[in-house]
Protein backbone atom coordinates (compact mmCIF):
# COMPACT_ATOMS: atom_id res chain seq x y z
CA MET A 1 87.14 97.54 95.34
CA ASP A 2 88.30 95.20 98.06
CA PRO A 3 85.47 95.79 101.15
CA ALA A 4 88.48 95.25 103.70
CA ARG A 5 89.81 98.68 102.69
CA SER A 6 86.69 100.43 103.57
CA ARG A 7 86.73 102.54 106.72
CA GLN A 8 82.68 102.48 106.51
CA SER A 9 82.79 98.58 107.38
CA GLY A 10 84.51 98.86 110.32
CA GLY A 11 88.36 98.54 109.06
CA THR A 12 91.11 100.85 110.42
CA GLY A 13 93.12 101.27 107.43
CA LEU A 14 95.21 99.66 104.45
CA GLY A 15 97.87 98.06 106.19
CA LEU A 16 96.58 94.16 106.16
CA SER A 17 94.73 94.81 102.73
CA MET A 18 98.22 96.03 101.43
CA VAL A 19 100.35 93.28 103.22
CA ARG A 20 97.76 90.38 101.44
CA VAL A 21 98.41 91.97 98.21
CA LEU A 22 102.11 92.22 98.62
CA VAL A 23 102.32 88.35 99.86
CA GLU A 24 100.27 86.95 97.28
CA GLY A 25 101.75 88.56 94.72
CA HIS A 26 105.10 86.91 95.76
CA GLY A 27 103.36 83.69 95.98
CA GLY A 28 102.89 83.67 99.56
CA THR A 29 99.69 83.42 101.83
CA VAL A 30 98.48 85.68 104.97
CA ARG A 31 96.60 83.95 107.68
CA ALA A 32 94.92 85.49 110.47
CA ALA A 33 93.40 83.85 113.58
CA ARG A 34 91.96 85.21 116.83
CA ALA A 35 94.59 85.33 119.77
CA ILE A 36 92.97 84.66 123.43
CA PRO A 37 92.16 86.48 125.28
CA ARG A 38 92.32 89.21 122.95
CA GLY A 39 94.02 90.56 119.88
CA ALA A 40 95.33 88.73 116.65
CA ARG A 41 97.72 86.77 115.34
CA PHE A 42 98.94 86.89 111.65
CA GLU A 43 101.33 84.51 109.82
CA VAL A 44 103.09 85.18 106.62
CA THR A 45 104.28 82.35 104.55
CA LEU A 46 106.49 82.88 101.47
CA PRO A 47 108.00 80.44 99.32
CA ALA A 48 111.62 79.91 99.32
CA ALA A 49 113.85 81.90 97.02
CA GLY A 50 114.44 80.84 94.08
CA THR A 51 111.36 78.53 93.57
C-alpha cells in the first residue's frame, strides 16, 4: 500500500494518490511544490493525444 494513502501518516485522504495513479497510467507526471507564503501548487503534465 502507498504510504500517502494512510491518514496515520498525516495524509488527509486518497485524492492526490488517486490523481498520481491516473496521470502516470496515461504516461504523465504530477509535480508538487510549496507555494509561498502557504499552500501548495500541483502541476499535471500529460502527453499529447495520439503519441
